[in-house]
Amino acid sequence: MAKRNNADLHVLSRSRLNLLVLLSLLLVVSAFVSTASAKDESWDWQDETSLTLNYQGGYDSNILELSEEDIDRFDNGELPLATDVEAYDDFVQSLGVYARLSLPKLWGWRDGSISYSFNYLSFAKNPYNDRPIHNLYFTHDILNRTDIFFSYLYIPERYLRDYYDRDSGQIIGTQFDYDLLGGGVQYSPEFLKGMRLSARYEYFTIYYNKYFTEYDSEGWGLRFDLRYKVNKVVTLTGIVKRRWSDNVGFDQHLPGSTNDPGQTDSEYGDGSYGEEWFELVADLNIYDLLPNRIDLSLSARLRHRFYDSELSVTDDPVHAGREHNHWRFGLETKTKIIGNLYGGPSVEYEFRRTDSPVDWLKERKDFDAIRASLNLSYRLW
């Protein structure tokens, strides 16, 4: 495998960035709490916190996003894998906790909050794919009807699929760390009650390890949200994103090996891409169907990705001239079951369709997946 001399520096800088973000947020919380103790004795942290337990369990028909051709090869024992994949479908569970702290006023500012969620995703037949998910979010008012916010998502040791290593000529099972850091401004205009606008900057990284760097990537993007509460029943949200990803490790390799065109991935190819993201969510509150209100969420999302490799199709058959549309449709329901226990079923259909000058690539990259689950949440306080 390829070995990059500055890989350790990337890992070190990423760790420092993660630590800096966490320390900054902790300092903010400390400042709020200490100020509250000195100036606002009425603020009680026990009354301003909440803690919720979350559970999700259900079926995923295609956990590795395999094409129909690869599913047939898997069933026939012909799909080359280094990882011990028991099945391409599975029963998936997620158990986690969500904590939220409403912050006291500081220096005359108004309301703010900080929240943290932790979820552990587990697979019944494929435990190699288990992983934790951390999510941190901070927001606070700065001006009239204007808020700032920061978010941080971290997924360590995320498995996606096995890759063909040209340097060794072997199929390699790999995991990567995913970091997504974002921040922006949210504004609620006075001229249209119920509307909220937000814009944010996002930065993300994907790193494997210092011995396997060919698919390491760094990217950034802009996101714009528009949320409008039409009435007490209907709330609409539109999301538009534009992302750029730089495959910083694609040319970190050892010379002298050749690629088998039949493989689905090429280490020597440039996986850099641009992506357009469009999402629409309709939240419906239904009051008279059951004793308790039913919350329905309907969502549709399109991700249009286009790879911008400057290599020829001969040198980079996997990425040159390739683009795809990645669709996802979802329905989620929630209602009060008893006491502080809420829950309901959800269903999701996701598929990808690829366009490329290389015919065999279209068959390998297209996939369909259906997911159905039961979601439960219990608020402890």
Protein backbone atom coordinates (compact mmCIF):
# COMPACT_ATOMS: atom_id res chain seq x y z
CA MET A 1 0.00 0.00 0.00
CA ALA A 2 1.01 3.62 -0.41
CA LYS A 3 2.62 5.46 2.44
CA ARG A 4 2.47 9.24 2.59
CA ASN A 5 5.17 11.09 4.52
CA ASN A 6 2.85 13.82 5.73
CA ALA A 7 0.01 11.48 6.75
CA ASP A 8 0.94 11.78 10.41
CA LEU A 9 0.72 15.57 10.08
CA HIS A 10 -2.80 15.28 8.67
CA VAL A 11 -3.86 13.06 11.57
CA LEU A 12 -2.20 15.39 14.06
CA SER A 13 -3.81 18.51 12.61
CA ARG A 14 -7.21 16.78 12.56
CA SER A 15 -6.85 15.76 16.20
CA ARG A 16 -5.84 19.27 17.16
CA LEU A 17 -8.84 20.67 15.31
CA ASN A 18 -11.20 18.28 17.07
CA LEU A 19 -9.68 19.11 20.44
CA LEU A 20 -9.84 22.84 19.74
CA VAL A 21 -13.54 22.66 18.87
CA LEU A 22 -14.42 20.68 21.98
CA LEU A 23 -12.34 22.90 24.27
CA SER A 24 -13.86 26.05 22.78
CA LEU A 25 -17.37 24.79 23.41
CA LEU A 26 -16.49 23.74 26.94
CA LEU A 27 -15.06 27.19 27.63
CA VAL A 28 -18.26 28.77 26.34
CA VAL A 29 -20.35 26.59 28.64
CA SER A 30 -18.07 27.39 31.58
CA ALA A 31 -18.36 31.08 30.91
CA PHE A 32 -22.14 30.92 30.79
CA VAL A 33 -22.44 28.84 33.93
CA SER A 34 -19.99 30.99 35.95
CA THR A 35 -21.69 34.19 34.80
CA ALA A 36 -25.07 32.76 35.67
CA SER A 37 -23.88 31.86 39.17
CA ALA A 38 -22.61 35.38 39.75
CA LYS A 39 -25.36 37.47 38.11
CA ASP A 40 -28.48 35.38 37.77
CA GLU A 41 -29.19 33.29 40.83
CA SER A 42 -32.61 32.34 39.44
CA TRP A 43 -31.04 30.22 36.70
CA ASP A 44 -31.10 26.54 37.72
CA TRP A 45 -29.20 24.13 35.47
CA GLN A 46 -31.42 21.23 36.54
CA ASP A 47 -34.46 23.06 35.16
CA GLU A 48 -32.62 24.05 32.01
CA THR A 49 -31.40 20.61 30.93
CA SER A 50 -33.04 17.65 29.26
CA LEU A 51 -31.92 14.08 28.73
CA THR A 52 -33.53 11.68 26.25
CA LEU A 53 -32.83 8.03 25.44
CA ASN A 54 -33.27 7.01 21.79
CA TYR A 55 -33.65 3.65 20.09
CA GLN A 56 -34.06 2.66 16.45
CA GLY A 57 -34.30 -0.88 15.17
CA GLY A 58 -35.17 -2.21 11.74
CA TYR A 59 -34.29 -3.86 8.46
CA ASP A 60 -31.86 -2.59 5.82
CA SER A 61 -32.00 -4.44 2.49
CA ASN A 62 -28.55 -3.31 1.27
CA ILE A 63 -26.13 -2.16 3.97
CA LEU A 64 -23.14 -2.02 1.59
CA GLU A 65 -25.01 -0.30 -1.27
CA LEU A 66 -24.21 -3.16 -3.65
CA SER A 67 -25.43 -3.19 -7.23
CA GLU A 68 -27.67 -5.98 -8.50
CA GLU A 69 -24.66 -7.47 -10.26
CA ASP A 70 -22.56 -7.43 -7.08
CA ILE A 71 -25.44 -8.96 -5.11
CA ASP A 72 -25.57 -11.82 -7.62
CA ARG A 73 -21.79 -12.23 -7.35
CA PHE A 74 -22.06 -12.24 -3.55
CA ASP A 75 -24.81 -14.88 -3.60
CA ASN A 76 -22.67 -17.02 -5.92
CA GLY A 77 -19.53 -16.55 -3.82
CA GLU A 78 -17.77 -14.67 -6.64
CA LEU A 79 -17.49 -11.19 -5.07
CA PRO A 80 -13.89 -10.66 -3.87
CA LEU A 81 -14.00 -9.42 -0.26
CA ALA A 82 -11.38 -9.33 2.47
CA THR A 83 -13.97 -8.46 5.12
CA ASP A 84 -16.08 -11.30 6.50
CA VAL A 85 -19.44 -10.08 5.20
CA GLU A 86 -22.15 -12.40 6.49
CA ALA A 87 -24.97 -10.86 4.43
CA TYR A 88 -25.64 -7.75 2.35
CA ASP A 89 -28.92 -7.14 4.24
CA ASP A 90 -29.21 -6.95 8.01
CA PHE A 91 -31.15 -6.00 11.12
CA VAL A 92 -29.74 -2.66 12.25
CA GLN A 93 -30.09 -1.08 15.68
CA SER A 94 -29.11 2.29 17.08
CA LEU A 95 -29.07 3.07 20.81
CA GLY A 96 -28.16 6.51 22.03
CA VAL A 97 -28.66 9.51 24.25
CA TYR A 98 -29.47 13.16 23.58
CA ALA A 99 -28.60 15.86 26.13
CA ARG A 100 -29.49 19.55 25.86
CA LEU A 101 -28.55 22.52 28.04
CA SER A 102 -30.34 25.87 27.81
CA LEU A 103 -27.69 28.50 28.49
CA PRO A 104 -28.16 31.51 30.79
CA LYS A 105 -27.80 35.08 29.60
CA LEU A 106 -24.26 36.37 29.16
CA TRP A 107 -23.25 40.00 28.74
CA GLY A 108 -26.87 40.95 28.05
CA TRP A 109 -27.33 38.37 25.29
CA ARG A 110 -30.53 36.43 24.97
CA ASP A 111 -31.18 32.69 24.89
CA GLY A 112 -28.77 30.00 23.74
CA SER A 113 -28.28 26.26 23.98
CA ILE A 114 -25.76 23.49 23.55
CA SER A 115 -26.64 19.88 22.79
CA TYR A 116 -24.80 16.60 22.37
CA SER A 117 -26.00 13.28 21.00
CA PHE A 118 -24.30 9.91 21.01
CA ASN A 119 -25.57 6.91 19.07
CA TYR A 120 -24.06 3.47 18.65
CA LEU A 121 -25.02 1.74 15.43
CA SER A 122 -24.88 -2.07 15.48
CA PHE A 123 -25.55 -4.79 12.89
CA ALA A 124 -26.91 -8.20 13.84
CA LYS A 125 -25.02 -10.25 11.23
CA ASN A 126 -22.15 -7.89 10.36
CA PRO A 127 -20.56 -6.55 13.57
CA TYR A 128 -17.50 -5.28 11.65
CA ASN A 129 -19.79 -2.44 10.52
CA ASP A 130 -20.66 -1.29 14.08
CA ARG A 131 -19.72 2.32 14.88
CA PRO A 132 -20.36 5.22 17.27
CA ILE A 133 -21.68 8.57 16.07
CA HIS A 134 -21.03 11.84 17.96
CA ASN A 135 -22.90 15.07 17.25
CA LEU A 136 -22.35 18.44 18.99
CA TYR A 137 -24.44 21.58 18.37
CA PHE A 138 -24.25 25.11 19.81
CA THR A 139 -26.51 28.11 19.08
CA HIS A 140 -27.05 31.53 20.59
CA ASP A 141 -28.79 34.82 19.84
CA ILE A 142 -26.53 37.70 18.85
CA LEU A 143 -28.97 40.26 17.40
CA ASN A 144 -32.71 40.68 17.19
CA ARG A 145 -34.10 37.61 15.40
CA THR A 146 -30.55 36.52 14.47
CA ASP A 147 -28.64 33.50 15.85
CA ILE A 148 -25.21 32.02 15.31
CA PHE A 149 -24.62 28.27 15.45
CA PHE A 150 -21.81 25.73 15.27
CA SER A 151 -22.01 21.98 14.70
CA TYR A 152 -19.59 19.07 14.78
CA LEU A 153 -20.19 15.48 13.63
CA TYR A 154 -17.63 12.73 14.16
CA ILE A 155 -17.84 9.09 13.06
CA PRO A 156 -14.69 7.04 13.79
CA GLU A 157 -13.82 3.81 11.99
CA ARG A 158 -16.61 3.97 9.44
CA TYR A 159 -16.63 0.96 7.10
CA LEU A 160 -17.91 1.49 3.58
CA ARG A 161 -16.56 -1.33 1.39
CA ASP A 162 -13.40 -3.23 0.46
CA TYR A 163 -10.97 -1.68 -2.00
CA TYR A 164 -8.56 -3.09 -4.55
CA ASP A 165 -4.97 -2.15 -3.67
CA ARG A 166 -2.89 -1.86 -6.84
CA ASP A 167 0.40 -1.77 -4.94
CA SER A 168 -0.13 -5.18 -3.38
CA GLY A 169 -2.64 -6.61 -5.89
CA GLN A 170 -4.98 -7.52 -3.02
CA ILE A 171 -8.50 -6.67 -1.88
CA ILE A 172 -8.19 -4.63 1.33
CA GLY A 173 -10.79 -4.03 4.01
CA THR A 174 -10.48 -0.44 5.20
CA GLN A 175 -12.12 1.96 7.66
CA PHE A 176 -12.05 5.73 7.72
CA ASP A 177 -12.72 8.56 10.18
CA TYR A 178 -15.33 11.11 9.13
CA ASP A 179 -15.33 14.69 10.51
CA LEU A 180 -17.92 17.33 9.60
CA LEU A 181 -17.49 20.80 11.09
CA GLY A 182 -19.91 23.62 10.34
CA GLY A 183 -21.02 27.05 11.44
CA GLY A 184 -23.33 29.77 10.26
CA VAL A 185 -26.05 32.34 10.86
CA GLN A 186 -29.81 31.91 11.24
CA TYR A 187 -32.30 34.71 10.68
CA SER A 188 -36.06 34.88 11.30
CA PRO A 189 -37.49 37.81 9.32
CA GLU A 190 -40.25 39.92 10.84
CA PHE A 191 -42.11 40.47 7.55
CA LEU A 192 -43.19 36.81 7.35
CA LYS A 193 -44.00 35.16 10.67
CA GLY A 194 -43.03 31.51 10.87
CA MET A 195 -40.12 31.78 8.41
CA ARG A 196 -36.51 30.97 9.29
CA LEU A 197 -33.50 31.36 7.02
CA SER A 198 -30.02 30.00 7.65
CA ALA A 199 -26.69 29.82 5.86
CA ARG A 200 -23.66 27.83 6.93
CA TYR A 201 -20.16 26.88 5.93
CA GLU A 202 -19.13 23.21 6.23
CA TYR A 203 -15.74 21.52 6.24
CA PHE A 204 -15.29 17.74 6.20
CA THR A 205 -12.48 15.20 6.06
CA ILE A 206 -12.23 11.47 5.30
CA TYR A 207 -9.03 9.75 6.44
CA TYR A 208 -8.09 6.09 6.49
CA ASN A 209 -4.62 5.45 7.97
CA LYS A 210 -1.00 6.33 7.18
CA TYR A 211 -0.52 3.12 5.18
CA PHE A 212 -3.64 3.46 3.04
CA THR A 213 -4.03 7.06 1.87
CA GLU A 214 -5.31 6.68 -1.69
CA TYR A 215 -8.91 7.62 -0.84
CA ASP A 216 -8.22 10.30 1.78
CA SER A 217 -10.31 13.39 1.04
CA GLU A 218 -10.88 16.91 2.28
CA GLY A 219 -13.86 19.02 1.33
CA TRP A 220 -15.94 22.07 2.04
CA GLY A 221 -19.33 23.40 1.13
CA LEU A 222 -22.13 25.91 1.63
CA ARG A 223 -25.61 25.10 2.90
CA PHE A 224 -28.79 27.19 2.82
CA ASP A 225 -32.01 26.33 4.68
CA LEU A 226 -35.47 27.87 4.44
CA ARG A 227 -38.07 26.77 6.97
CA TYR A 228 -41.65 28.05 6.87
CA LYS A 229 -44.39 27.15 9.34
CA VAL A 230 -47.51 27.50 7.19
CA ASN A 231 -49.90 26.86 10.09
CA LYS A 232 -50.15 24.62 13.13
CA VAL A 233 -50.48 21.58 10.84
CA VAL A 234 -47.88 22.09 8.08
CA THR A 235 -44.21 23.10 8.21
CA LEU A 236 -42.06 23.08 5.05
CA THR A 237 -38.25 23.01 4.93
CA GLY A 238 -36.04 23.37 1.86
CA ILE A 239 -32.31 22.66 1.91
CA VAL A 240 -29.75 23.45 -0.81
CA LYS A 241 -26.07 22.48 -0.57
CA ARG A 242 -23.02 22.85 -2.78
CA ARG A 243 -19.97 20.74 -1.92
CA TRP A 244 -16.43 20.37 -3.26
CA SER A 245 -14.26 17.38 -2.30
CA ASP A 246 -10.54 17.05 -3.02
CA ASN A 247 -9.18 13.49 -3.18
CA VAL A 248 -5.86 14.55 -1.58
CA GLY A 249 -4.45 11.02 -1.50
CA PHE A 250 -5.16 9.70 -4.98
CA ASP A 251 -1.61 10.19 -6.31
CA GLN A 252 0.13 8.82 -3.20
CA HIS A 253 1.16 5.41 -4.53
CA LEU A 254 4.02 3.21 -5.52
CA PRO A 255 4.81 3.00 -9.25
CA GLY A 256 5.01 -0.10 -11.40
CA SER A 257 1.68 -1.87 -10.94
CA THR A 258 -1.22 -2.29 -13.35
CA ASN A 259 -4.94 -2.10 -12.81
CA ASP A 260 -7.46 -4.77 -13.70
CA PRO A 261 -10.31 -3.01 -15.58
CA GLY A 262 -12.74 -5.43 -14.02
CA GLN A 263 -12.17 -3.98 -10.56
CA THR A 264 -14.72 -1.49 -9.30
CA ASP A 265 -12.23 1.03 -7.89
CA SER A 266 -8.94 2.46 -9.14
CA GLU A 267 -6.42 3.78 -6.63
CA TYR A 268 -4.66 5.81 -9.28
CA GLY A 269 -7.87 7.62 -10.24
CA ASP A 270 -8.79 11.07 -8.97
CA GLY A 271 -11.94 10.83 -6.85
CA SER A 272 -12.33 14.61 -6.46
CA TYR A 273 -15.89 15.76 -7.10
CA GLY A 274 -18.47 18.50 -6.88
CA GLU A 275 -21.95 17.86 -5.52
CA GLU A 276 -25.31 19.61 -5.60
CA TRP A 277 -27.77 18.69 -2.86
CA PHE A 278 -31.52 19.46 -2.89
CA GLU A 279 -33.85 18.38 -0.09
CA LEU A 280 -37.50 19.06 0.75
CA VAL A 281 -39.16 18.10 4.05
CA ALA A 282 -42.85 18.43 4.93
CA ASP A 283 -43.74 18.06 8.62
CA LEU A 284 -47.43 17.42 9.32
CA ASN A 285 -49.14 17.51 12.73
CA ILE A 286 -52.35 15.46 12.73
CA TYR A 287 -54.57 16.06 15.77
CA ASP A 288 -57.86 14.18 15.52
CA LEU A 289 -56.88 10.73 14.23
CA LEU A 290 -55.60 9.27 17.53
CA PRO A 291 -55.96 10.35 21.16
CA ASN A 292 -52.49 11.91 20.88
CA ARG A 293 -51.14 14.06 18.08
CA ILE A 294 -49.34 12.25 15.23
CA ASP A 295 -46.25 13.87 13.73
CA LEU A 296 -45.55 12.87 10.13
CA SER A 297 -42.37 13.81 8.25
CA LEU A 298 -42.17 13.34 4.48
CA SER A 299 -38.79 13.91 2.85
CA ALA A 300 -37.23 13.80 -0.60
CA ARG A 301 -33.54 14.35 -1.33
CA LEU A 302 -31.43 14.48 -4.50
CA ARG A 303 -27.63 14.51 -4.55
CA HIS A 304 -26.14 15.15 -7.98
CA ARG A 305 -22.43 14.34 -7.94
CA PHE A 306 -20.00 14.93 -10.82
CA TYR A 307 -16.36 13.85 -10.72
CA ASP A 308 -13.81 16.30 -12.10
CA SER A 309 -10.83 14.03 -12.77
CA GLU A 310 -8.50 15.54 -15.37
CA LEU A 311 -7.20 12.07 -16.28
CA SER A 312 -8.39 10.30 -19.41
CA VAL A 313 -10.96 7.50 -19.37
CA THR A 314 -8.13 5.07 -20.11
CA ASP A 315 -6.08 6.22 -17.11
CA ASP A 316 -9.03 6.77 -14.77
CA PRO A 317 -12.02 4.68 -15.93
CA VAL A 318 -13.75 4.88 -12.54
CA HIS A 319 -13.97 8.67 -12.29
CA ALA A 320 -13.36 10.36 -15.67
CA GLY A 321 -16.66 11.67 -17.07
CA ARG A 322 -18.68 10.01 -14.29
CA GLU A 323 -21.69 11.51 -12.56
CA HIS A 324 -24.65 10.14 -10.68
CA ASN A 325 -28.00 11.05 -9.14
CA HIS A 326 -28.54 9.77 -5.62
CA TRP A 327 -32.19 9.83 -4.49
CA ARG A 328 -33.73 9.20 -1.09
CA PHE A 329 -37.43 9.27 -0.09
CA GLY A 330 -38.57 8.87 3.50
CA LEU A 331 -41.62 8.76 5.75
CA GLU A 332 -41.30 9.00 9.54
CA THR A 333 -44.06 8.98 12.13
CA LYS A 334 -44.07 9.79 15.84
CA THR A 335 -46.72 9.97 18.54
CA LYS A 336 -46.95 9.85 22.30
CA ILE A 337 -47.26 6.21 23.40
CA ILE A 338 -47.43 6.60 27.18
CA GLY A 339 -45.95 9.07 29.63
CA ASN A 340 -42.64 10.36 28.28
CA LEU A 341 -42.35 7.56 25.71
CA TYR A 342 -42.72 8.59 22.07
CA GLY A 343 -42.26 6.58 18.90
CA GLY A 344 -43.46 5.31 15.58
CA PRO A 345 -42.45 3.48 12.39
CA SER A 346 -40.41 4.89 9.52
CA VAL A 347 -39.62 3.73 6.00
CA GLU A 348 -37.03 4.85 3.46
CA TYR A 349 -36.19 4.10 -0.15
CA GLU A 350 -32.79 5.09 -1.53
CA PHE A 351 -31.27 4.52 -4.96
CA ARG A 352 -28.39 5.72 -7.14
CA ARG A 353 -28.16 5.89 -10.93
CA THR A 354 -24.78 6.40 -12.61
CA ASP A 355 -23.77 7.83 -15.96
CA SER A 356 -20.26 7.10 -17.26
CA PRO A 357 -18.38 6.51 -20.54
CA VAL A 358 -17.55 3.06 -19.12
CA ASP A 359 -20.46 0.64 -19.42
CA TRP A 360 -19.38 -1.84 -16.73
CA LEU A 361 -19.12 1.00 -14.19
CA LYS A 362 -22.80 1.86 -14.50
CA GLU A 363 -23.74 -1.69 -13.53
CA ARG A 364 -21.33 -1.72 -10.56
CA LYS A 365 -22.27 1.67 -9.05
CA ASP A 366 -26.07 1.64 -9.29
CA PHE A 367 -27.89 0.35 -6.21
CA ASP A 368 -31.28 0.22 -4.49
CA ALA A 369 -32.00 -0.02 -0.76
CA ILE A 370 -35.16 -0.22 1.32
CA ARG A 371 -35.15 0.43 5.07
CA ALA A 372 -37.93 0.08 7.62
CA SER A 373 -37.57 0.67 11.34
CA LEU A 374 -39.27 1.42 14.65
CA ASN A 375 -38.10 4.56 16.44
CA LEU A 376 -38.52 5.14 20.18
CA SER A 377 -37.51 8.00 22.47
CA TYR A 378 -37.93 8.38 26.22
CA ARG A 379 -37.32 11.67 27.97
CA LEU A 380 -35.82 11.11 31.42
CA TRP A 381 -36.28 14.76 32.35
